[in-house]
Amino acid sequence: MRKPLRFRTKKKRVSFLRLRFFWCVIGVFFALTSFFYIVVFSSFLKIEKIEIHGVREIALEHILSVSKDYLWQTFLGIPQNSILLFDMKGFKEELIFTFPAISSVTLKRSLPQTLIVKIQEREQIGTWCPFEKIDEEVVCFAIDAKGIPFKKAEKESEYILFSSKGEVKLGKELLNPLLLFTFLDFIEESEKIGESFLFSIIAFTIGERGEIQGVTKEGWKILLDIKEDMGWQQTKLQIVLEQKIPLEKRGELEYIDLRFGDQAYIKYFD
């Protein structure tokens, strides 16, 4: 008996070049390559203009110079001057590091070729000098409301003088901002008292163990305890000036100590 014949269907081979998926991948690859080239190397999206706003004391040409140098930096051979790929965060950090007088930087892209830089400069609220050399010829620094020194300053100026121990690093906190705020608030309230009793505070010194002294324009001092109620110490100062120290004896006054509870101690020069 003969075996039945079996027929095998020959499968048709399909070239991978004709596969739709393959061509989709190739198309996406070329599209991404073209987009990358346009973004990175196209002159149409190259930063050509830098607008800087908010500068008051910092030399504008210095900021422009640093900005242009940053634009010409490369990362893995890729230029940083494409407005779409520009490293905004790194550029902000570069400006603040290079110019300690800058408090903050805001950047904005203005397509296709303009970078807008808005700068907020630090405002001086006081002058800091080293405590251990306060009576010598020393280098002093302007500080802002955050207790950050940002430039050299004259010791004799219109600003309140603060002195303490510490190592100065421009752009880094030197005085605790909360402590600084307490001093400024005390000065503001003292000015109200001073209108009646003809005195003003021109300086604060912070000793090695944290002891606080306010120095008046007349030369006498106010000893304070920052851990105690500053408002109550202010009240004691007013009472003492009003009831205990005649104006004619003010020139003999060495200090008023307000640190202890309900007491206020008066010391005259011997």
Foldseek 3Di string as FASTA:
>chain_A
DDDDDDDDDDDDDDDPVPDPVVVVVVVVVVVVVVVVCCQQPNPQQFADEEAEDDDDPDDPVVLVVQVVVQQQDADPNTGQRGLVNHDPVVSFVSVCVVALQWDGWDWDDDPRHYIYIYTHGADFQAKEDEPVQLVHDGWIFTAHLQQAGGGTDDQDDPHAYEYYHDDHDRNDHTDHNVVSVVVVVLQVLVVVLCVVLVKHFRYWYQYPVGWIWTAIPLGAIETEDPVDDSVLLSVLVSCCSVPPDDSVCVNQWRYWYSYDDNDIDTDGHD
